[in-house]
Amino acid sequence: MNPRGNPAPLAEARRRHSLDKRARVLTVLATLEKQGKPLTFAAVARAARVSTWLTYAPGVREHIEAAQLRQAHSTPPSATGSPPSPLSLRTELEIARQEIKDLRDERDRLQAALRHQLGQQLDVIHASDAATRADELTALNQDLTRQLQEASSENAASRARITALEEDLIAARTSLRRMIRTENTAR
């Protein structure tokens, strides 16, 4: 097991993942700027396959705004000025839907991994409690077994005593009957 505990590897993986996303945003931003495409926060997020929130985050936002300023001051590329066709809009919509589906799948996968990791951490935390409780229950079981044996021994001794007393009672009754008969016949 990790001597620093389980949260450290998760935090490190999360940090690397965050840095990777930021690097992707900056790479995509440079590519879009070279291609002369309009630079919007949403377009950069979509092309980098990250959330729009990340494009507005400090450290990323400044790069996008600077690129937008550079693009605004440069000569605009020759554009045909024609509106997008319905086919291209449908294609972009389908791409956006697929990205949303992929992000939801990733979210579900990460949630499942997090649940699994937290479960393992809880198992580790409660393992010592479970071992202590098992020891307590074992000691209690041994004590109850000893008490049962003592009660069984006392029960057997009491039964033997009852049997002996019943035999004495039968003998006393028999003796009393004889005495009564003898007394009655003597009169």
N, C-alpha and C. Protein backbone atom coordinates (compact mmCIF):
# COMPACT_ATOMS: atom_id res chain seq x y z
N MET A 1 0.84 -1.18 0.00
CA MET A 1 0.00 0.00 0.00
C MET A 1 0.88 1.24 0.00
N ASN A 2 0.37 2.29 -0.54
CA ASN A 2 1.09 3.55 -0.62
C ASN A 2 1.28 4.12 0.78
N PRO A 3 2.54 4.40 1.23
CA PRO A 3 2.75 4.89 2.60
C PRO A 3 2.14 6.27 2.84
N ARG A 4 1.93 7.05 1.77
CA ARG A 4 1.34 8.38 1.96
C ARG A 4 -0.19 8.31 2.00
N GLY A 5 -0.76 7.14 1.83
CA GLY A 5 -2.21 7.02 1.81
C GLY A 5 -2.71 7.02 0.37
N ASN A 6 -3.94 6.70 0.18
CA ASN A 6 -4.50 6.59 -1.15
C ASN A 6 -4.81 7.91 -1.84
N PRO A 7 -5.08 9.01 -1.17
CA PRO A 7 -5.43 10.24 -1.89
C PRO A 7 -4.29 10.83 -2.73
N ALA A 8 -3.07 10.60 -2.36
CA ALA A 8 -1.94 11.21 -3.08
C ALA A 8 -1.89 10.79 -4.55
N PRO A 9 -1.99 9.49 -4.88
CA PRO A 9 -1.95 9.12 -6.30
C PRO A 9 -3.14 9.71 -7.07
N LEU A 10 -4.29 9.78 -6.43
CA LEU A 10 -5.45 10.36 -7.10
C LEU A 10 -5.23 11.84 -7.38
N ALA A 11 -4.69 12.55 -6.42
CA ALA A 11 -4.44 13.98 -6.60
C ALA A 11 -3.39 14.20 -7.70
N GLU A 12 -2.37 13.37 -7.72
CA GLU A 12 -1.32 13.49 -8.73
C GLU A 12 -1.89 13.21 -10.12
N ALA A 13 -2.71 12.18 -10.25
CA ALA A 13 -3.33 11.85 -11.53
C ALA A 13 -4.25 12.99 -11.98
N ARG A 14 -4.99 13.55 -11.06
CA ARG A 14 -5.90 14.66 -11.37
C ARG A 14 -5.10 15.88 -11.83
N ARG A 15 -3.95 16.16 -11.19
CA ARG A 15 -3.11 17.29 -11.57
C ARG A 15 -2.55 17.09 -12.98
N ARG A 16 -2.06 15.87 -13.27
CA ARG A 16 -1.53 15.58 -14.61
C ARG A 16 -2.62 15.72 -15.67
N HIS A 17 -3.81 15.23 -15.35
CA HIS A 17 -4.94 15.31 -16.28
C HIS A 17 -5.29 16.78 -16.56
N SER A 18 -5.28 17.60 -15.54
CA SER A 18 -5.58 19.02 -15.68
C SER A 18 -4.52 19.71 -16.55
N LEU A 19 -3.25 19.41 -16.29
CA LEU A 19 -2.18 20.01 -17.09
C LEU A 19 -2.28 19.57 -18.55
N ASP A 20 -2.65 18.32 -18.78
CA ASP A 20 -2.82 17.81 -20.14
C ASP A 20 -3.93 18.57 -20.86
N LYS A 21 -5.04 18.80 -20.17
CA LYS A 21 -6.15 19.53 -20.79
C LYS A 21 -5.74 20.96 -21.12
N ARG A 22 -5.04 21.61 -20.21
CA ARG A 22 -4.60 22.99 -20.47
C ARG A 22 -3.63 23.03 -21.66
N ALA A 23 -2.74 22.05 -21.75
CA ALA A 23 -1.81 22.01 -22.87
C ALA A 23 -2.56 21.79 -24.18
N ARG A 24 -3.59 20.94 -24.15
CA ARG A 24 -4.40 20.71 -25.35
C ARG A 24 -5.08 22.00 -25.80
N VAL A 25 -5.60 22.76 -24.84
CA VAL A 25 -6.27 24.02 -25.17
C VAL A 25 -5.30 24.96 -25.86
N LEU A 26 -4.10 25.08 -25.31
CA LEU A 26 -3.12 26.00 -25.89
C LEU A 26 -2.67 25.54 -27.28
N THR A 27 -2.53 24.23 -27.48
CA THR A 27 -2.16 23.70 -28.79
C THR A 27 -3.25 23.97 -29.81
N VAL A 28 -4.49 23.69 -29.42
CA VAL A 28 -5.62 23.92 -30.33
C VAL A 28 -5.75 25.41 -30.64
N LEU A 29 -5.54 26.24 -29.64
CA LEU A 29 -5.63 27.69 -29.84
C LEU A 29 -4.62 28.14 -30.90
N ALA A 30 -3.39 27.65 -30.80
CA ALA A 30 -2.37 28.01 -31.78
C ALA A 30 -2.75 27.52 -33.17
N THR A 31 -3.29 26.30 -33.25
CA THR A 31 -3.69 25.74 -34.54
C THR A 31 -4.82 26.55 -35.16
N LEU A 32 -5.83 26.86 -34.37
CA LEU A 32 -6.96 27.64 -34.89
C LEU A 32 -6.51 29.03 -35.33
N GLU A 33 -5.59 29.61 -34.58
CA GLU A 33 -5.09 30.95 -34.93
C GLU A 33 -4.33 30.91 -36.25
N LYS A 34 -3.52 29.86 -36.45
CA LYS A 34 -2.78 29.73 -37.71
C LYS A 34 -3.72 29.52 -38.88
N GLN A 35 -4.80 28.79 -38.64
CA GLN A 35 -5.76 28.51 -39.71
C GLN A 35 -6.65 29.71 -40.00
N GLY A 36 -6.62 30.70 -39.13
CA GLY A 36 -7.41 31.90 -39.34
C GLY A 36 -8.88 31.70 -39.00
N LYS A 37 -9.19 30.68 -38.26
CA LYS A 37 -10.58 30.43 -37.88
C LYS A 37 -10.97 31.37 -36.75
N PRO A 38 -12.26 31.68 -36.64
CA PRO A 38 -12.71 32.56 -35.56
C PRO A 38 -12.40 31.93 -34.20
N LEU A 39 -11.85 32.74 -33.32
CA LEU A 39 -11.46 32.25 -32.00
C LEU A 39 -12.52 32.65 -30.98
N THR A 40 -13.30 31.67 -30.56
CA THR A 40 -14.26 31.88 -29.47
C THR A 40 -13.94 30.88 -28.38
N PHE A 41 -14.40 31.18 -27.19
CA PHE A 41 -14.15 30.26 -26.08
C PHE A 41 -14.78 28.90 -26.37
N ALA A 42 -15.99 28.91 -26.91
CA ALA A 42 -16.69 27.65 -27.20
C ALA A 42 -15.99 26.87 -28.30
N ALA A 43 -15.51 27.57 -29.35
CA ALA A 43 -14.84 26.88 -30.45
C ALA A 43 -13.54 26.23 -29.97
N VAL A 44 -12.80 26.94 -29.14
CA VAL A 44 -11.55 26.39 -28.61
C VAL A 44 -11.85 25.18 -27.73
N ALA A 45 -12.89 25.30 -26.87
CA ALA A 45 -13.25 24.18 -25.99
C ALA A 45 -13.67 22.97 -26.80
N ARG A 46 -14.47 23.20 -27.85
CA ARG A 46 -14.95 22.09 -28.67
C ARG A 46 -13.79 21.42 -29.39
N ALA A 47 -12.90 22.20 -29.97
CA ALA A 47 -11.78 21.64 -30.71
C ALA A 47 -10.80 20.90 -29.78
N ALA A 48 -10.64 21.40 -28.56
CA ALA A 48 -9.71 20.76 -27.61
C ALA A 48 -10.38 19.63 -26.84
N ARG A 49 -11.70 19.50 -27.00
CA ARG A 49 -12.48 18.46 -26.31
C ARG A 49 -12.36 18.62 -24.79
N VAL A 50 -12.58 19.86 -24.36
CA VAL A 50 -12.60 20.16 -22.93
C VAL A 50 -13.86 20.97 -22.64
N SER A 51 -14.13 21.19 -21.38
CA SER A 51 -15.31 21.97 -21.02
C SER A 51 -15.06 23.45 -21.30
N THR A 52 -16.15 24.16 -21.58
CA THR A 52 -16.05 25.60 -21.82
C THR A 52 -15.55 26.30 -20.57
N TRP A 53 -15.90 25.75 -19.42
CA TRP A 53 -15.45 26.33 -18.16
C TRP A 53 -13.94 26.48 -18.13
N LEU A 54 -13.23 25.45 -18.63
CA LEU A 54 -11.77 25.49 -18.60
C LEU A 54 -11.23 26.64 -19.44
N THR A 55 -11.89 26.95 -20.55
CA THR A 55 -11.39 28.04 -21.40
C THR A 55 -11.54 29.40 -20.73
N TYR A 56 -12.44 29.51 -19.75
CA TYR A 56 -12.60 30.76 -19.01
C TYR A 56 -11.74 30.79 -17.74
N ALA A 57 -11.07 29.69 -17.43
CA ALA A 57 -10.28 29.61 -16.20
C ALA A 57 -9.04 30.50 -16.31
N PRO A 58 -8.60 31.04 -15.17
CA PRO A 58 -7.37 31.86 -15.18
C PRO A 58 -6.20 31.03 -15.69
N GLY A 59 -5.36 31.66 -16.49
CA GLY A 59 -4.22 30.96 -17.06
C GLY A 59 -4.50 30.45 -18.46
N VAL A 60 -5.77 30.30 -18.81
CA VAL A 60 -6.16 29.88 -20.15
C VAL A 60 -6.87 31.04 -20.84
N ARG A 61 -7.73 31.69 -20.09
CA ARG A 61 -8.53 32.80 -20.63
C ARG A 61 -7.62 33.88 -21.25
N GLU A 62 -6.53 34.21 -20.56
CA GLU A 62 -5.64 35.25 -21.05
C GLU A 62 -5.07 34.92 -22.42
N HIS A 63 -4.73 33.65 -22.64
CA HIS A 63 -4.18 33.22 -23.93
C HIS A 63 -5.22 33.37 -25.03
N ILE A 64 -6.45 32.99 -24.74
CA ILE A 64 -7.51 33.08 -25.75
C ILE A 64 -7.81 34.54 -26.07
N GLU A 65 -7.90 35.37 -25.04
CA GLU A 65 -8.17 36.79 -25.27
C GLU A 65 -7.04 37.45 -26.06
N ALA A 66 -5.80 37.08 -25.77
CA ALA A 66 -4.67 37.64 -26.51
C ALA A 66 -4.73 37.20 -27.98
N ALA A 67 -5.07 35.94 -28.21
CA ALA A 67 -5.18 35.45 -29.59
C ALA A 67 -6.32 36.15 -30.31
N GLN A 68 -7.43 36.41 -29.61
CA GLN A 68 -8.55 37.13 -30.22
C GLN A 68 -8.12 38.54 -30.62
N LEU A 69 -7.35 39.20 -29.75
CA LEU A 69 -6.86 40.55 -30.07
C LEU A 69 -5.93 40.52 -31.29
N ARG A 70 -5.02 39.56 -31.32
CA ARG A 70 -4.11 39.44 -32.47
C ARG A 70 -4.90 39.20 -33.75
N GLN A 71 -5.92 38.37 -33.64
CA GLN A 71 -6.74 38.05 -34.81
C GLN A 71 -7.54 39.28 -35.26
N ALA A 72 -8.01 40.07 -34.31
CA ALA A 72 -8.79 41.26 -34.66
C ALA A 72 -7.92 42.31 -35.35
N HIS A 73 -6.65 42.40 -34.97
CA HIS A 73 -5.76 43.41 -35.55
C HIS A 73 -5.09 42.93 -36.84
N SER A 74 -5.17 41.67 -37.13
CA SER A 74 -4.55 41.17 -38.36
C SER A 74 -5.55 41.33 -39.51
N THR A 75 -5.06 41.16 -40.71
CA THR A 75 -5.95 41.27 -41.87
C THR A 75 -6.83 40.04 -41.90
N PRO A 76 -8.12 40.23 -42.11
CA PRO A 76 -9.02 39.08 -42.13
C PRO A 76 -8.75 38.22 -43.35
N PRO A 77 -8.83 36.91 -43.16
CA PRO A 77 -8.63 36.03 -44.30
C PRO A 77 -9.78 36.22 -45.29
N SER A 78 -9.49 35.95 -46.54
CA SER A 78 -10.54 36.09 -47.54
C SER A 78 -11.62 35.06 -47.25
N ALA A 79 -12.81 35.57 -47.04
CA ALA A 79 -13.92 34.69 -46.73
C ALA A 79 -14.97 34.84 -47.81
N THR A 80 -15.66 33.82 -48.05
CA THR A 80 -16.69 33.86 -49.09
C THR A 80 -17.92 34.59 -48.58
N GLY A 81 -18.09 34.62 -47.28
CA GLY A 81 -19.23 35.33 -46.70
C GLY A 81 -20.52 34.55 -46.82
N SER A 82 -20.44 33.33 -47.24
CA SER A 82 -21.68 32.55 -47.36
C SER A 82 -22.02 31.92 -46.01
N PRO A 83 -23.28 31.86 -45.70
CA PRO A 83 -23.68 31.24 -44.43
C PRO A 83 -23.45 29.73 -44.48
N PRO A 84 -23.32 29.12 -43.32
CA PRO A 84 -23.09 27.66 -43.32
C PRO A 84 -24.29 26.92 -43.90
N SER A 85 -23.99 25.85 -44.57
CA SER A 85 -25.06 25.06 -45.19
C SER A 85 -25.76 24.20 -44.13
N PRO A 86 -26.98 23.79 -44.39
CA PRO A 86 -27.69 22.92 -43.44
C PRO A 86 -26.92 21.62 -43.17
N LEU A 87 -26.27 21.11 -44.20
CA LEU A 87 -25.51 19.88 -44.03
C LEU A 87 -24.35 20.09 -43.05
N SER A 88 -23.64 21.21 -43.19
CA SER A 88 -22.52 21.46 -42.28
C SER A 88 -23.02 21.71 -40.86
N LEU A 89 -24.17 22.38 -40.74
CA LEU A 89 -24.75 22.59 -39.41
C LEU A 89 -25.15 21.27 -38.77
N ARG A 90 -25.74 20.38 -39.56
CA ARG A 90 -26.12 19.05 -39.03
C ARG A 90 -24.87 18.27 -38.62
N THR A 91 -23.83 18.39 -39.42
CA THR A 91 -22.59 17.69 -39.09
C THR A 91 -22.01 18.21 -37.78
N GLU A 92 -21.98 19.54 -37.64
CA GLU A 92 -21.48 20.12 -36.38
C GLU A 92 -22.34 19.71 -35.20
N LEU A 93 -23.66 19.67 -35.41
CA LEU A 93 -24.57 19.25 -34.34
C LEU A 93 -24.30 17.80 -33.95
N GLU A 94 -24.09 16.94 -34.93
CA GLU A 94 -23.81 15.54 -34.64
C GLU A 94 -22.47 15.40 -33.90
N ILE A 95 -21.48 16.18 -34.31
CA ILE A 95 -20.19 16.15 -33.62
C ILE A 95 -20.35 16.61 -32.18
N ALA A 96 -21.12 17.68 -31.99
CA ALA A 96 -21.35 18.18 -30.62
C ALA A 96 -22.08 17.14 -29.78
N ARG A 97 -23.06 16.48 -30.35
CA ARG A 97 -23.79 15.43 -29.61
C ARG A 97 -22.85 14.29 -29.23
N GLN A 98 -21.98 13.90 -30.16
CA GLN A 98 -21.04 12.83 -29.87
C GLN A 98 -20.07 13.24 -28.76
N GLU A 99 -19.63 14.50 -28.80
CA GLU A 99 -18.74 14.99 -27.74
C GLU A 99 -19.44 14.97 -26.39
N ILE A 100 -20.71 15.36 -26.37
CA ILE A 100 -21.48 15.34 -25.12
C ILE A 100 -21.60 13.91 -24.61
N LYS A 101 -21.90 12.98 -25.52
CA LYS A 101 -22.02 11.57 -25.12
C LYS A 101 -20.69 11.06 -24.56
N ASP A 102 -19.59 11.40 -25.25
CA ASP A 102 -18.27 10.97 -24.78
C ASP A 102 -17.96 11.55 -23.40
N LEU A 103 -18.29 12.82 -23.21
CA LEU A 103 -18.04 13.45 -21.91
C LEU A 103 -18.88 12.82 -20.82
N ARG A 104 -20.12 12.49 -21.13
CA ARG A 104 -20.97 11.82 -20.13
C ARG A 104 -20.43 10.44 -19.79
N ASP A 105 -19.97 9.71 -20.82
CA ASP A 105 -19.38 8.39 -20.57
C ASP A 105 -18.13 8.51 -19.69
N GLU A 106 -17.30 9.51 -20.00
CA GLU A 106 -16.10 9.72 -19.20
C GLU A 106 -16.47 10.08 -17.76
N ARG A 107 -17.48 10.95 -17.60
CA ARG A 107 -17.93 11.32 -16.26
C ARG A 107 -18.39 10.09 -15.49
N ASP A 108 -19.21 9.23 -16.13
CA ASP A 108 -19.70 8.03 -15.47
C ASP A 108 -18.56 7.09 -15.09
N ARG A 109 -17.59 6.96 -16.01
CA ARG A 109 -16.45 6.08 -15.74
C ARG A 109 -15.63 6.61 -14.56
N LEU A 110 -15.41 7.92 -14.54
CA LEU A 110 -14.64 8.52 -13.45
C LEU A 110 -15.39 8.43 -12.12
N GLN A 111 -16.72 8.59 -12.16
CA GLN A 111 -17.50 8.45 -10.93
C GLN A 111 -17.41 7.03 -10.39
N ALA A 112 -17.49 6.04 -11.29
CA ALA A 112 -17.39 4.64 -10.86
C ALA A 112 -16.01 4.36 -10.27
N ALA A 113 -14.96 4.89 -10.91
CA ALA A 113 -13.60 4.69 -10.39
C ALA A 113 -13.45 5.36 -9.03
N LEU A 114 -14.03 6.54 -8.88
CA LEU A 114 -13.95 7.24 -7.60
C LEU A 114 -14.70 6.47 -6.51
N ARG A 115 -15.89 5.96 -6.84
CA ARG A 115 -16.64 5.16 -5.86
C ARG A 115 -15.83 3.94 -5.43
N HIS A 116 -15.22 3.28 -6.41
CA HIS A 116 -14.41 2.09 -6.11
C HIS A 116 -13.24 2.46 -5.20
N GLN A 117 -12.55 3.55 -5.52
CA GLN A 117 -11.40 3.99 -4.72
C GLN A 117 -11.83 4.36 -3.31
N LEU A 118 -12.94 5.08 -3.18
CA LEU A 118 -13.42 5.46 -1.85
C LEU A 118 -13.82 4.22 -1.05
N GLY A 119 -14.42 3.25 -1.72
CA GLY A 119 -14.78 2.01 -1.05
C GLY A 119 -13.55 1.29 -0.51
N GLN A 120 -12.49 1.27 -1.32
CA GLN A 120 -11.26 0.64 -0.86
C GLN A 120 -10.68 1.40 0.33
N GLN A 121 -10.73 2.72 0.29
CA GLN A 121 -10.22 3.50 1.41
C GLN A 121 -11.02 3.22 2.67
N LEU A 122 -12.34 3.13 2.54
CA LEU A 122 -13.17 2.83 3.71
C LEU A 122 -12.87 1.44 4.25
N ASP A 123 -12.63 0.48 3.33
CA ASP A 123 -12.28 -0.87 3.78
C ASP A 123 -10.99 -0.85 4.58
N VAL A 124 -10.00 -0.10 4.10
CA VAL A 124 -8.71 -0.02 4.80
C VAL A 124 -8.89 0.64 6.16
N ILE A 125 -9.67 1.72 6.19
CA ILE A 125 -9.88 2.45 7.44
C ILE A 125 -10.58 1.56 8.46
N HIS A 126 -11.58 0.81 8.01
CA HIS A 126 -12.38 0.01 8.93
C HIS A 126 -11.84 -1.40 9.14
N ALA A 127 -10.75 -1.76 8.46
CA ALA A 127 -10.18 -3.10 8.62
C ALA A 127 -9.70 -3.31 10.05
N SER A 128 -9.03 -2.33 10.63
CA SER A 128 -8.54 -2.49 12.00
C SER A 128 -9.71 -2.55 12.97
N ASP A 129 -10.76 -1.76 12.72
CA ASP A 129 -11.96 -1.83 13.55
C ASP A 129 -12.60 -3.21 13.46
N ALA A 130 -12.63 -3.76 12.26
CA ALA A 130 -13.23 -5.08 12.07
C ALA A 130 -12.41 -6.15 12.79
N ALA A 131 -11.08 -6.04 12.73
CA ALA A 131 -10.23 -7.01 13.41
C ALA A 131 -10.42 -6.91 14.92
N THR A 132 -10.50 -5.70 15.45
CA THR A 132 -10.73 -5.50 16.88
C THR A 132 -12.08 -6.09 17.28
N ARG A 133 -13.09 -5.81 16.47
CA ARG A 133 -14.44 -6.33 16.76
C ARG A 133 -14.45 -7.86 16.70
N ALA A 134 -13.73 -8.44 15.74
CA ALA A 134 -13.65 -9.90 15.64
C ALA A 134 -12.99 -10.49 16.88
N ASP A 135 -11.93 -9.84 17.37
CA ASP A 135 -11.27 -10.31 18.59
C ASP A 135 -12.22 -10.23 19.78
N GLU A 136 -12.97 -9.14 19.87
CA GLU A 136 -13.94 -8.99 20.97
C GLU A 136 -15.00 -10.09 20.91
N LEU A 137 -15.49 -10.35 19.70
CA LEU A 137 -16.53 -11.37 19.55
C LEU A 137 -15.98 -12.77 19.85
N THR A 138 -14.73 -13.02 19.48
CA THR A 138 -14.11 -14.32 19.78
C THR A 138 -13.98 -14.50 21.29
N ALA A 139 -13.53 -13.47 21.99
CA ALA A 139 -13.40 -13.54 23.45
C ALA A 139 -14.77 -13.75 24.09
N LEU A 140 -15.78 -13.03 23.61
CA LEU A 140 -17.14 -13.18 24.13
C LEU A 140 -17.66 -14.59 23.88
N ASN A 141 -17.38 -15.13 22.70
CA ASN A 141 -17.81 -16.49 22.37
C ASN A 141 -17.15 -17.50 23.30
N GLN A 142 -15.87 -17.34 23.57
CA GLN A 142 -15.17 -18.25 24.48
C GLN A 142 -15.75 -18.16 25.89
N ASP A 143 -16.06 -16.95 26.34
CA ASP A 143 -16.65 -16.75 27.67
C ASP A 143 -18.03 -17.42 27.75
N LEU A 144 -18.82 -17.23 26.71
CA LEU A 144 -20.16 -17.85 26.70
C LEU A 144 -20.07 -19.38 26.64
N THR A 145 -19.09 -19.90 25.91
CA THR A 145 -18.89 -21.35 25.85
C THR A 145 -18.52 -21.89 27.22
N ARG A 146 -17.63 -21.18 27.93
CA ARG A 146 -17.25 -21.60 29.28
C ARG A 146 -18.46 -21.57 30.21
N GLN A 147 -19.25 -20.50 30.14
CA GLN A 147 -20.44 -20.40 30.98
C GLN A 147 -21.44 -21.52 30.67
N LEU A 148 -21.56 -21.87 29.39
CA LEU A 148 -22.46 -22.96 29.01
C LEU A 148 -21.97 -24.29 29.59
N GLN A 149 -20.67 -24.52 29.54
CA GLN A 149 -20.12 -25.76 30.11
C GLN A 149 -20.35 -25.81 31.61
N GLU A 150 -20.15 -24.67 32.29
CA GLU A 150 -20.39 -24.63 33.74
C GLU A 150 -21.87 -24.89 34.04
N ALA A 151 -22.75 -24.27 33.27
CA ALA A 151 -24.19 -24.47 33.49
C ALA A 151 -24.58 -25.91 33.21
N SER A 152 -23.98 -26.51 32.18
CA SER A 152 -24.27 -27.92 31.87
C SER A 152 -23.79 -28.82 33.00
N SER A 153 -22.61 -28.53 33.56
CA SER A 153 -22.09 -29.32 34.68
C SER A 153 -23.00 -29.18 35.90
N GLU A 154 -23.41 -27.93 36.21
CA GLU A 154 -24.31 -27.71 37.34
C GLU A 154 -25.65 -28.41 37.10
N ASN A 155 -26.13 -28.38 35.88
CA ASN A 155 -27.39 -29.04 35.54
C ASN A 155 -27.28 -30.54 35.75
N ALA A 156 -26.16 -31.14 35.29
CA ALA A 156 -25.97 -32.58 35.45
C ALA A 156 -25.88 -32.93 36.94
N ALA A 157 -25.17 -32.11 37.73
CA ALA A 157 -25.06 -32.36 39.17
C ALA A 157 -26.43 -32.24 39.84
N SER A 158 -27.21 -31.24 39.43
CA SER A 158 -28.55 -31.07 40.00
C SER A 158 -29.45 -32.25 39.65
N ARG A 159 -29.36 -32.73 38.43
CA ARG A 159 -30.18 -33.90 38.04
C ARG A 159 -29.79 -35.14 38.86
N ALA A 160 -28.48 -35.30 39.06
CA ALA A 160 -28.03 -36.45 39.87
C ALA A 160 -28.55 -36.31 41.29
N ARG A 161 -28.51 -35.11 41.84
CA ARG A 161 -29.02 -34.86 43.20
C ARG A 161 -30.51 -35.12 43.27
N ILE A 162 -31.26 -34.66 42.24
CA ILE A 162 -32.72 -34.90 42.22
C ILE A 162 -33.01 -36.39 42.17
N THR A 163 -32.26 -37.12 41.36
CA THR A 163 -32.47 -38.56 41.26
C THR A 163 -32.22 -39.23 42.61
N ALA A 164 -31.14 -38.81 43.28
CA ALA A 164 -30.83 -39.39 44.60
C ALA A 164 -31.93 -39.04 45.60
N LEU A 165 -32.41 -37.81 45.58
CA LEU A 165 -33.48 -37.40 46.50
C LEU A 165 -34.78 -38.14 46.21
N GLU A 166 -35.08 -38.34 44.92
CA GLU A 166 -36.29 -39.10 44.57
C GLU A 166 -36.20 -40.52 45.10
N GLU A 167 -35.01 -41.12 44.98
CA GLU A 167 -34.83 -42.48 45.49
C GLU A 167 -35.00 -42.50 47.01
N ASP A 168 -34.43 -41.49 47.69
CA ASP A 168 -34.59 -41.40 49.15
C ASP A 168 -36.06 -41.23 49.52
N LEU A 169 -36.79 -40.41 48.75
CA LEU A 169 -38.21 -40.18 49.01
C LEU A 169 -39.01 -41.47 48.83
N ILE A 170 -38.71 -42.19 47.78
CA ILE A 170 -39.41 -43.47 47.55
C ILE A 170 -39.12 -44.43 48.70
N ALA A 171 -37.87 -44.49 49.13
CA ALA A 171 -37.50 -45.37 50.24
C ALA A 171 -38.20 -44.94 51.53
N ALA A 172 -38.28 -43.62 51.76
CA ALA A 172 -38.95 -43.13 52.97
C ALA A 172 -40.43 -43.44 52.93
N ARG A 173 -41.07 -43.32 51.79
CA ARG A 173 -42.50 -43.63 51.66
C ARG A 173 -42.74 -45.13 51.90
N THR A 174 -41.86 -45.90 51.30
CA THR A 174 -42.01 -47.35 51.49
C THR A 174 -41.86 -47.70 52.96
N SER A 175 -40.88 -47.12 53.60
CA SER A 175 -40.66 -47.37 55.03
C SER A 175 -41.85 -46.89 55.85
N LEU A 176 -42.41 -45.75 55.51
CA LEU A 176 -43.56 -45.20 56.23
C LEU A 176 -44.77 -46.12 56.06
N ARG A 177 -44.99 -46.62 54.86
CA ARG A 177 -46.11 -47.53 54.63
C ARG A 177 -45.96 -48.78 55.50
N ARG A 178 -44.75 -49.30 55.58
CA ARG A 178 -44.53 -50.50 56.40
C ARG A 178 -44.83 -50.21 57.86
N MET A 179 -44.36 -49.03 58.29
CA MET A 179 -44.60 -48.68 59.69
C MET A 179 -46.10 -48.54 59.95
N ILE A 180 -46.81 -47.93 59.01
CA ILE A 180 -48.25 -47.76 59.20
C ILE A 180 -48.93 -49.12 59.20
N ARG A 181 -48.53 -50.03 58.33
CA ARG A 181 -49.12 -51.36 58.31
C ARG A 181 -48.83 -52.11 59.61
N THR A 182 -47.60 -51.97 60.03
CA THR A 182 -47.22 -52.66 61.26
C THR A 182 -48.02 -52.09 62.42
N GLU A 183 -48.19 -50.85 62.49
CA GLU A 183 -48.95 -50.19 63.55
C GLU A 183 -50.42 -50.62 63.46
N ASN A 184 -50.95 -50.68 62.27
CA ASN A 184 -52.36 -51.04 62.10
C ASN A 184 -52.60 -52.52 62.43
N THR A 185 -51.69 -53.35 62.11
CA THR A 185 -51.86 -54.77 62.41
C THR A 185 -51.61 -55.05 63.89
N ALA A 186 -50.86 -54.26 64.56
CA ALA A 186 -50.60 -54.45 65.98
C ALA A 186 -51.82 -54.02 66.78
N ARG A 187 -52.66 -53.32 66.39
CA ARG A 187 -53.82 -52.85 67.14
C ARG A 187 -54.90 -53.79 67.08
